[in-house]
Protein backbone atom coordinates (compact mmCIF):
# COMPACT_ATOMS: atom_id res chain seq x y z
CA MET A 1 9.72 55.48 234.73
CA ASN A 2 7.63 58.33 233.33
CA LEU A 3 4.65 59.85 235.11
CA LEU A 4 1.97 58.19 233.00
CA ASN A 5 3.47 54.73 233.43
CA ALA A 6 3.81 55.31 237.17
CA THR A 7 0.14 56.24 237.55
CA THR A 8 -0.96 53.44 235.22
CA ARG A 9 0.95 50.95 237.35
CA TYR A 10 -1.17 51.89 240.37
CA TYR A 11 -4.37 51.73 238.33
CA LEU A 12 -3.41 48.26 237.10
CA LEU A 13 -2.61 47.17 240.64
CA LEU A 14 -5.96 48.46 241.89
CA ALA A 15 -7.80 46.80 238.99
CA LEU A 16 -5.98 43.53 239.68
CA LEU A 17 -6.84 43.59 243.38
CA VAL A 18 -10.50 44.45 242.70
CA PHE A 19 -10.73 41.82 240.01
CA VAL A 20 -9.13 39.09 242.13
CA GLY A 21 -11.36 39.98 245.07
CA GLY A 22 -14.43 40.07 242.86
CA SER A 23 -13.52 36.80 241.15
CA LEU A 24 -13.04 35.02 244.47
CA GLY A 25 -16.30 36.44 245.78
CA LEU A 26 -18.12 35.40 242.62
CA TYR A 27 -16.56 31.93 242.66
CA TYR A 28 -17.48 31.19 246.26
CA GLY A 29 -20.89 32.84 245.81
CA ILE A 30 -21.77 30.68 242.82
CA ASN A 31 -20.38 27.62 244.57
CA TRP A 32 -22.51 28.36 247.63
CA ALA A 33 -25.60 28.98 245.52
CA LEU A 34 -25.16 25.73 243.57
CA ARG A 35 -24.59 23.68 246.71
CA THR A 36 -27.58 25.32 248.35
CA GLU A 37 -29.74 24.49 245.33
CA VAL A 38 -28.54 20.87 245.37
CA GLY A 39 -29.22 20.71 249.12
CA GLU A 40 -32.75 22.04 248.62
CA GLN A 41 -33.40 19.42 245.94
CA LEU A 42 -32.18 16.67 248.28
CA ALA A 43 -34.27 18.10 251.13
CA ASP A 44 -37.38 18.13 248.90
CA ARG A 45 -36.74 14.51 247.97
CA ARG A 46 -36.41 13.65 251.66
CA GLN A 47 -39.73 15.34 252.48
CA GLU A 48 -41.36 13.41 249.66
CA LEU A 49 -40.11 10.08 251.01
CA LEU A 50 -41.11 10.94 254.56
CA ALA A 51 -44.59 11.89 253.37
CA LYS A 52 -44.95 8.60 251.52
CA ALA A 53 -43.73 6.73 254.60
CA ARG A 54 -46.38 8.39 256.76
CA ALA A 55 -49.02 7.57 254.17
CA ASN A 56 -47.76 3.93 253.97
CA GLU A 57 -47.15 4.28 250.25
CA LEU A 58 -43.56 3.03 250.25
CA PRO A 59 -42.73 -0.40 248.85
CA PRO A 60 -40.89 -2.93 251.03
CA VAL A 61 -37.31 -2.16 251.94
CA ASP A 62 -35.91 -4.78 249.57
CA GLN A 63 -37.65 -3.17 246.63
CA LEU A 64 -36.83 0.33 247.85
CA ALA A 65 -33.10 -0.56 248.10
CA VAL A 66 -33.05 -1.05 244.36
CA LEU A 67 -33.69 2.69 243.85
CA LEU A 68 -32.11 4.14 247.01
CA ASP A 69 -29.01 3.61 249.12
CA ILE A 70 -30.57 2.09 252.25
CA SER A 71 -28.85 0.66 255.29
CA ARG A 72 -30.33 -0.96 258.36
CA MET A 73 -27.24 0.13 260.33
CA PRO A 74 -27.15 3.70 261.68
CA ARG A 75 -25.29 6.27 259.57
CA PRO A 76 -24.16 9.88 260.27
CA LEU A 77 -27.07 12.16 259.60
CA GLY A 78 -27.12 15.40 257.61
CA PHE A 79 -25.38 16.79 254.54
CA ARG A 80 -21.87 15.86 253.48
CA ASP A 81 -19.69 15.76 250.36
CA THR A 82 -18.48 12.48 249.00
CA ILE A 83 -16.78 11.10 245.91
CA LEU A 84 -18.25 8.13 244.07
CA LEU A 85 -17.20 6.13 241.04
CA ASP A 86 -19.09 6.81 237.83
CA ARG A 87 -19.32 3.33 236.38
CA THR A 88 -20.26 4.66 232.95
CA GLU A 89 -17.17 6.84 232.48
CA ASN A 90 -15.08 5.05 235.13
CA VAL A 91 -14.08 8.30 236.88
CA LEU A 92 -14.54 9.59 240.41
CA VAL A 93 -17.32 12.15 240.60
CA PRO A 94 -18.05 14.52 243.52
CA HIS A 95 -21.56 14.22 245.03
CA ARG A 96 -23.66 15.99 247.63
CA GLN A 97 -25.20 13.50 250.07
CA LEU A 98 -28.08 13.76 252.56
CA THR A 99 -28.59 10.97 255.11
CA PHE A 100 -31.75 10.69 257.21
CA PRO A 101 -33.76 7.96 259.01
CA LEU A 102 -36.90 6.53 257.41
CA THR A 103 -39.46 4.29 259.11
CA VAL A 104 -41.07 1.71 256.87
CA ARG A 105 -44.25 0.22 258.34
CA GLY A 106 -43.77 -3.38 259.34
CA GLU A 107 -39.98 -3.30 258.86
CA GLY A 108 -38.76 -0.67 261.34
CA PRO A 109 -36.35 2.21 260.80
CA VAL A 110 -33.75 2.33 258.03
CA TRP A 111 -31.17 4.96 257.04
CA VAL A 112 -31.52 6.42 253.57
CA SER A 113 -28.72 8.33 251.73
CA LEU A 114 -29.78 10.60 248.87
CA ARG A 115 -27.06 11.81 246.48
CA LYS A 116 -26.80 14.28 243.64
CA SER A 117 -23.78 14.83 241.33
CA LEU A 118 -21.86 18.12 241.54
CA VAL A 119 -20.28 17.75 238.12
CA GLU A 120 -22.57 20.36 236.59
CA ALA A 121 -21.70 22.82 239.36
CA GLU A 122 -17.94 22.35 238.87
CA ASP A 123 -18.30 22.73 235.11
CA LEU A 124 -20.19 25.95 235.65
CA LEU A 125 -17.49 27.20 238.03
CA GLY A 126 -14.81 26.36 235.47
CA VAL A 127 -16.61 28.33 232.77
CA VAL A 128 -17.03 31.30 235.11
CA SER A 129 -13.35 31.19 236.13
CA ALA A 130 -12.17 31.04 232.51
CA LEU A 131 -14.48 33.92 231.63
CA MET A 132 -13.19 36.03 234.53
CA LEU A 133 -9.55 35.36 233.60
CA SER A 134 -10.28 36.35 230.02
CA VAL A 135 -11.91 39.56 231.16
CA LEU A 136 -8.88 40.27 233.37
CA ALA A 137 -6.48 39.75 230.47
CA LEU A 138 -8.58 42.03 228.25
CA LEU A 139 -8.78 44.65 231.00
CA LEU A 140 -5.04 44.71 231.66
CA GLY A 141 -4.20 44.64 227.96
CA GLY A 142 -6.68 47.45 227.31
CA MET A 143 -5.17 49.59 230.07
CA VAL A 144 -1.67 49.07 228.67
CA ALA A 145 -2.85 49.95 225.16
CA LEU A 146 -4.70 52.99 226.51
CA ASN A 147 -1.55 54.04 228.37
CA ARG A 148 0.48 53.94 225.17
CA TRP A 149 -2.18 55.85 223.26
CA LEU A 150 -2.39 58.52 225.95
CA SER A 151 1.38 58.74 226.12
CA ALA A 152 1.62 59.31 222.38
CA ARG A 153 -1.34 61.69 222.09
CA LEU A 154 -2.05 63.59 225.29
CA TRP A 155 1.59 63.92 226.40
CA ALA A 156 2.87 65.10 223.01
CA PRO A 157 2.79 68.80 224.08
CA PHE A 158 4.84 67.99 227.18
CA ARG A 159 7.45 66.18 225.11
CA HIS A 160 7.56 69.14 222.72
CA THR A 161 8.15 71.48 225.67
CA LEU A 162 10.87 69.22 227.05
CA ALA A 163 12.63 69.07 223.67
CA ALA A 164 12.48 72.88 223.39
CA LEU A 165 14.04 73.23 226.86
CA ARG A 166 16.84 70.83 225.99
CA GLN A 167 17.66 72.73 222.81
CA TYR A 168 17.32 76.17 224.37
CA ASP A 169 20.47 78.24 224.24
CA LEU A 170 20.69 81.48 226.18
CA GLN A 171 23.43 82.64 223.82
CA GLN A 172 20.81 83.16 221.12
CA HIS A 173 19.35 86.05 223.18
CA ARG A 174 15.84 84.89 222.36
CA PRO A 175 13.14 83.79 224.83
CA LEU A 176 11.12 80.62 224.42
CA ALA A 177 8.04 80.76 222.22
CA LEU A 178 6.12 77.69 223.38
CA PRO A 179 2.58 77.25 222.00
CA ALA A 180 -0.54 76.88 224.14
CA PRO A 181 -1.66 73.22 223.89
CA PRO A 182 -5.30 72.23 224.48
CA VAL A 183 -4.51 70.59 227.84
CA ALA A 184 -4.91 73.28 230.50
CA GLU A 185 -2.04 72.11 232.71
CA PHE A 186 0.43 72.02 229.82
CA ALA A 187 -0.79 75.41 228.63
CA GLU A 188 -0.09 76.89 232.09
CA LEU A 189 3.34 75.24 232.12
CA ASN A 190 4.27 76.68 228.71
CA GLN A 191 3.01 80.11 229.72
CA ALA A 192 5.11 80.05 232.89
CA LEU A 193 8.19 78.89 230.97
CA ASN A 194 7.74 81.61 228.36
CA GLY A 195 7.59 84.27 231.08
CA PHE A 196 10.55 82.77 232.88
CA SER A 197 12.67 82.70 229.70
CA GLN A 198 11.80 86.33 228.97
CA ARG A 199 12.98 87.41 232.44
CA LEU A 200 16.05 85.21 232.08
CA VAL A 201 17.04 86.77 228.76
CA ALA A 202 16.48 90.27 230.14
CA ASP A 203 18.56 89.56 233.26
CA TYR A 204 21.28 87.92 231.18
CA GLU A 205 21.48 90.88 228.83
CA SER A 206 21.62 93.29 231.77
CA LEU A 207 24.37 91.27 233.43
CA ARG A 208 26.34 90.95 230.20
CA GLU A 209 26.11 94.68 229.51
CA PHE A 210 27.07 95.49 233.08
CA THR A 211 30.09 93.18 232.90
CA ALA A 212 31.22 94.65 229.61
CA ASN A 213 30.73 98.22 230.77
CA ALA A 214 32.40 97.61 234.11
CA ALA A 215 35.35 95.95 232.41
CA HIS A 216 35.72 98.83 229.98
CA GLU A 217 35.26 101.59 232.54
CA THR A 218 37.78 100.08 234.97
CA GLN A 219 40.35 98.94 232.45
CA THR A 220 40.73 102.39 230.90
CA PRO A 221 41.71 104.18 234.15
CA LEU A 222 44.06 101.35 235.02
CA ALA A 223 45.79 101.64 231.64
CA ILE A 224 46.14 105.40 232.12
CA MET A 225 47.58 104.92 235.60
CA GLN A 226 50.11 102.39 234.36
CA ALA A 227 51.20 104.63 231.48
CA GLN A 228 51.61 107.64 233.75
CA LEU A 229 53.49 105.64 236.38
CA GLU A 230 55.83 104.30 233.71
CA GLN A 231 56.55 107.86 232.59
CA LEU A 232 57.01 108.92 236.20
CA LEU A 233 59.54 106.14 236.77
CA GLN A 234 61.59 107.52 233.85
CA VAL A 235 61.77 111.05 235.24
CA PRO A 236 65.45 111.82 236.15
CA ALA A 237 64.46 113.83 239.21
CA LEU A 238 62.91 110.70 240.72
CA ALA A 239 66.31 109.07 241.00
CA GLU A 240 67.57 112.02 243.07
CA ASP A 241 65.05 111.31 245.83
CA PRO A 242 65.65 107.76 247.18
CA ALA A 243 62.55 107.94 249.35
CA VAL A 244 60.08 108.58 246.51
CA ALA A 245 61.33 106.04 243.97
CA PRO A 246 60.37 102.93 246.03
CA LEU A 247 56.92 104.37 246.67
CA VAL A 248 56.31 104.94 242.99
CA ALA A 249 57.62 101.45 242.18
CA ASP A 250 55.31 99.89 244.76
CA LEU A 251 52.40 101.86 243.37
CA TYR A 252 53.22 100.68 239.86
CA GLY A 253 53.41 97.06 241.06
CA ALA A 254 50.06 97.39 242.83
CA THR A 255 48.56 98.77 239.63
CA LEU A 256 49.85 95.78 237.68
CA ARG A 257 48.39 93.37 240.22
CA LEU A 258 45.08 95.21 240.11
CA SER A 259 45.07 94.98 236.32
CA ARG A 260 45.75 91.22 236.43
CA LEU A 261 43.00 90.78 239.02
CA HIS A 262 40.60 92.78 236.85
CA GLN A 263 41.39 90.64 233.80
CA ALA A 264 40.99 87.39 235.76
CA LEU A 265 37.65 88.41 237.27
CA SER A 266 36.39 89.60 233.88
CA LEU A 267 37.35 86.26 232.34
CA LEU A 268 35.60 84.32 235.12
CA SER A 269 32.47 86.43 234.68
CA LYS A 270 32.42 85.84 230.93
CA ILE A 271 32.85 82.10 231.41
CA GLU A 272 30.06 81.95 233.97
CA ASN A 273 27.81 83.95 231.63
CA ARG A 274 28.72 81.56 228.80
CA GLN A 275 29.91 84.27 226.46
CA PHE A 276 32.36 81.97 224.62
CA ALA A 277 30.08 80.21 222.18
CA GLN A 278 32.42 80.09 219.16
CA ALA A 279 33.93 76.66 219.80
CA GLN A 280 36.14 75.26 217.05
CA PRO A 281 38.71 72.48 216.63
CA VAL A 282 41.93 73.39 218.46
CA ARG A 283 45.20 71.47 218.13
CA LEU A 284 45.97 71.31 221.81
CA ASP A 285 49.35 69.62 221.27
CA GLN A 286 50.57 72.46 219.02
CA LEU A 287 49.26 75.14 221.36
CA LEU A 288 50.90 73.42 224.33
CA ALA A 289 54.24 73.28 222.51
CA GLU A 290 53.96 77.00 221.72
CA LYS A 291 53.21 77.86 225.36
CA MET A 292 56.13 75.76 226.55
CA ALA A 293 58.43 77.56 224.10
CA GLN A 294 57.17 80.95 225.27
CA LEU A 295 57.84 80.08 228.91
CA GLU A 296 61.33 78.62 228.31
CA PRO A 297 63.07 81.80 229.52
CA LEU A 298 61.06 81.62 232.73
CA PHE A 299 61.93 77.92 233.13
CA GLU A 300 65.60 78.67 232.67
CA ALA A 301 65.48 81.62 235.05
CA ARG A 302 64.08 79.30 237.74
CA LYS A 303 66.55 76.55 236.68
CA LEU A 304 63.69 74.10 236.28
CA HIS A 305 64.08 70.64 234.77
CA TYR A 306 61.13 70.53 232.41
CA GLY A 307 59.76 68.14 229.82
CA LEU A 308 56.84 67.66 227.45
CA ASP A 309 55.46 64.27 226.44
CA SER A 310 52.97 64.74 223.59
CA SER A 311 53.41 62.19 220.81
CA VAL A 312 49.93 62.23 219.23
CA PRO A 313 47.79 65.03 217.73
CA VAL A 314 45.10 66.11 220.19
CA VAL A 315 42.10 68.03 218.85
CA VAL A 316 39.48 69.50 221.19
CA GLN A 317 36.40 71.61 220.53
CA MET A 318 37.08 74.83 222.44
CA HIS A 319 37.16 78.56 222.10
CA PRO A 320 40.79 79.33 221.12
CA GLY A 321 41.04 82.04 223.78
CA LEU A 322 39.87 79.69 226.53
CA ALA A 323 42.22 76.94 225.36
CA ASP A 324 45.12 79.41 225.55
CA SER A 325 44.00 80.60 229.00
CA LEU A 326 43.69 77.02 230.26
CA LEU A 327 47.25 76.08 229.28
CA GLN A 328 48.65 79.43 230.39
CA ASN A 329 47.19 79.14 233.90
CA LEU A 330 48.21 75.50 234.29
CA LEU A 331 51.82 76.19 233.30
CA GLN A 332 52.10 79.43 235.28
CA ASN A 333 50.73 77.69 238.35
CA ALA A 334 53.36 74.95 237.96
CA VAL A 335 56.11 77.58 237.71
CA LYS A 336 54.92 79.97 240.43
CA HIS A 337 54.54 77.25 243.02
CA ASN A 338 57.67 75.33 242.09
CA VAL A 339 61.00 75.39 243.87
CA ARG A 340 64.19 76.69 242.34
CA GLY A 341 65.87 73.89 240.42
CA GLY A 342 62.72 71.76 240.68
CA GLN A 343 60.90 69.51 238.23
CA LEU A 344 58.08 70.30 235.78
CA ALA A 345 56.62 67.61 233.53
CA VAL A 346 53.70 67.86 231.10
CA TYR A 347 51.91 64.85 229.61
CA LEU A 348 49.24 65.15 226.91
CA SER A 349 47.19 62.37 225.30
CA ASN A 350 43.82 62.09 223.61
CA THR A 351 42.15 61.58 226.97
CA GLU A 352 43.99 63.78 229.44
CA LEU A 353 46.41 66.59 230.15
CA LYS A 354 48.61 66.19 233.23
CA VAL A 355 50.96 68.79 234.68
CA THR A 356 53.29 67.61 237.46
CA ASN A 357 55.67 69.85 239.36
CA SER A 358 57.69 69.82 242.53
CA GLY A 359 56.77 72.33 245.18
CA PRO A 360 56.52 73.12 248.86
CA THR A 361 54.74 70.76 251.22
CA VAL A 362 50.95 71.10 251.20
CA GLU A 363 48.75 69.84 253.98
CA GLY A 364 45.02 69.19 253.84
CA ASP A 365 42.80 68.81 250.81
CA PRO A 366 44.51 70.25 247.69
CA ALA A 367 41.10 70.74 246.04
CA ARG A 368 40.69 73.88 248.18
CA PHE A 369 43.12 75.66 245.86
CA PHE A 370 40.35 75.73 243.23
CA GLU A 371 38.56 78.25 245.44
CA ARG A 372 38.84 81.87 244.42
CA PHE A 373 41.62 83.94 246.06
CA ARG A 374 43.06 80.78 247.65
CA LYS A 375 46.87 80.81 247.56
CA HIS A 376 49.68 78.44 248.49
CA ASN A 377 51.41 81.37 250.11
CA ALA A 378 49.30 84.14 251.61
CA ALA A 379 52.09 86.67 250.98
CA SER A 380 52.18 85.89 247.25
CA GLU A 381 51.43 88.71 244.81
CA SER A 382 49.30 86.32 242.74
CA PRO A 383 45.55 87.08 242.97
CA GLY A 384 44.81 83.39 243.56
CA LEU A 385 42.45 83.00 240.61
CA GLY A 386 44.49 80.84 238.22
CA LEU A 387 43.09 77.48 239.30
CA SER A 388 39.61 78.93 239.61
CA ILE A 389 39.84 79.91 235.95
CA VAL A 390 41.09 76.40 235.10
CA GLN A 391 38.15 74.85 236.94
CA GLN A 392 35.62 77.16 235.27
CA ILE A 393 36.98 76.43 231.79
CA CYS A 394 36.92 72.68 232.45
CA GLY A 395 33.37 72.88 233.76
CA TYR A 396 32.34 74.94 230.73
CA TYR A 397 33.40 72.15 228.35
CA GLY A 398 32.59 69.18 230.60
CA PHE A 399 36.21 68.32 231.35
CA GLY A 400 37.19 66.80 234.68
CA VAL A 401 39.95 68.41 236.72
CA THR A 402 41.68 67.09 239.84
CA TYR A 403 44.54 68.27 242.04
CA SER A 404 46.61 65.68 243.91
CA VAL A 405 49.84 65.64 245.86
CA ALA A 406 52.31 62.81 246.48
CA GLU A 407 55.73 62.17 248.01
CA GLU A 408 54.76 63.72 251.33
CA GLY A 409 53.08 66.70 249.68
CA THR A 410 56.02 67.87 247.56
CA CYS A 411 54.88 66.48 244.17
CA HIS A 412 51.87 68.35 242.81
CA THR A 413 49.75 67.02 239.93
CA LEU A 414 46.97 68.78 238.05
CA ARG A 415 45.04 66.40 235.80
CA VAL A 416 42.48 67.51 233.21
CA VAL A 417 40.33 64.70 231.77
CA LEU A 418 39.54 65.71 228.20
CA LYS A 419 37.08 62.90 227.55
CA PRO A 420 34.58 61.37 230.02
CA GLY A 421 35.50 57.89 231.19
CA ALA A 422 39.20 58.26 230.44
CA GLU A 423 41.49 55.88 232.21
CA ALA A 424 43.91 57.35 234.71
CA LEU A 425 47.61 57.11 234.02
CA PRO A 426 49.42 54.38 235.98
CA GLN A 427 51.17 55.64 239.05
CA ASN A 428 54.54 54.54 237.69
CA ALA A 429 54.13 56.12 234.23
CA GLU A 430 57.30 57.90 233.23
CA ILE A 431 57.37 61.43 231.74
CA SER A 432 60.59 62.39 230.07
CA LEU A 433 62.40 65.43 231.47
CA VAL A 434 64.85 67.63 229.58
CA ALA A 435 67.34 69.35 231.82
CA THR A 436 68.18 72.92 231.02
CA GLU A 437 71.76 73.81 230.58
């Protein structure tokens, strides 16, 4: 429910309560006034009869009974409502009745009942009620129509601002340029958003430049160090000193790990800064087959039983470099954390990519391995960023990613949902395995 409809609902509720209260008050007020008027007319008629009785101007009771309802037996005195039959229309009609004693000279006391029809009063109340209901319907309908008119006219600048925010892309390196509408509140909102977008673009550009400069300035010394260490390892004199060679080899290995860590952190930073805007159709099945072929020597070296089940073309909208990084990290994770002679199975369909591998027992929540620098084995030379990169890439494109273990923690499964709402594979789905020779 939008803001205008929410406020209008309360206005309608207040109008309804006021109208119902006012209608009831008006109904009972008119009813009381009409009954009071009828009672005054009956009281005046009573005073007239009593005055004639005192002046001895009344006819005998027998003649008087022709015009009035007279009884020689006592009746309850005062006003009361009664219903009598209208002989002309043959319907029951409500009346207001006044009963009082009257003394006729020479004949003693009698009890006279004066009556007046309330049909006119009820007709008037019906007209008033119908009129009030009509006014209520017009009032509510007018408020609804006014709400729609205000929503289309006065809230148009807000909808324009909302549409501009939805379409805003920081990759365009351009701040918002929202106009100043005539409504003061919307003008202040647009002014604040324009200033915010300008600061955001400036901060984004500073961060992007810093990331690029830092990556360049650190990668160059690392490349020089690696090249010099490689040359140092080829020096013949190094082989003559058995104590120095291991130190240089360890230093070279540390440099390689530092370079991989630098590349992984740079990639994560670029993903978080959304610097991969050139998405294009990527044949994920072909790319996966290429990656599997590239890693075959590694599979064979680990004596892994591996298999790929991908029988349909799978096209996704991704940056080619991120698609390559996604598959590379998934497969390398399955190899690094596998056991010698273990299993590795890959399944790809239009809705999901699933990588299953055997591995050491894992306790606790496997989702913690998506955290940065989290490793299966603390002594591993891996920087612990592979699954973090996988998670960032999936989040960048709206893919779902889960990590689960089965068979007492020795069967690890990484599942990437390529399309929202995809059905999970059955637990007993088979993935073909090809044993290496």
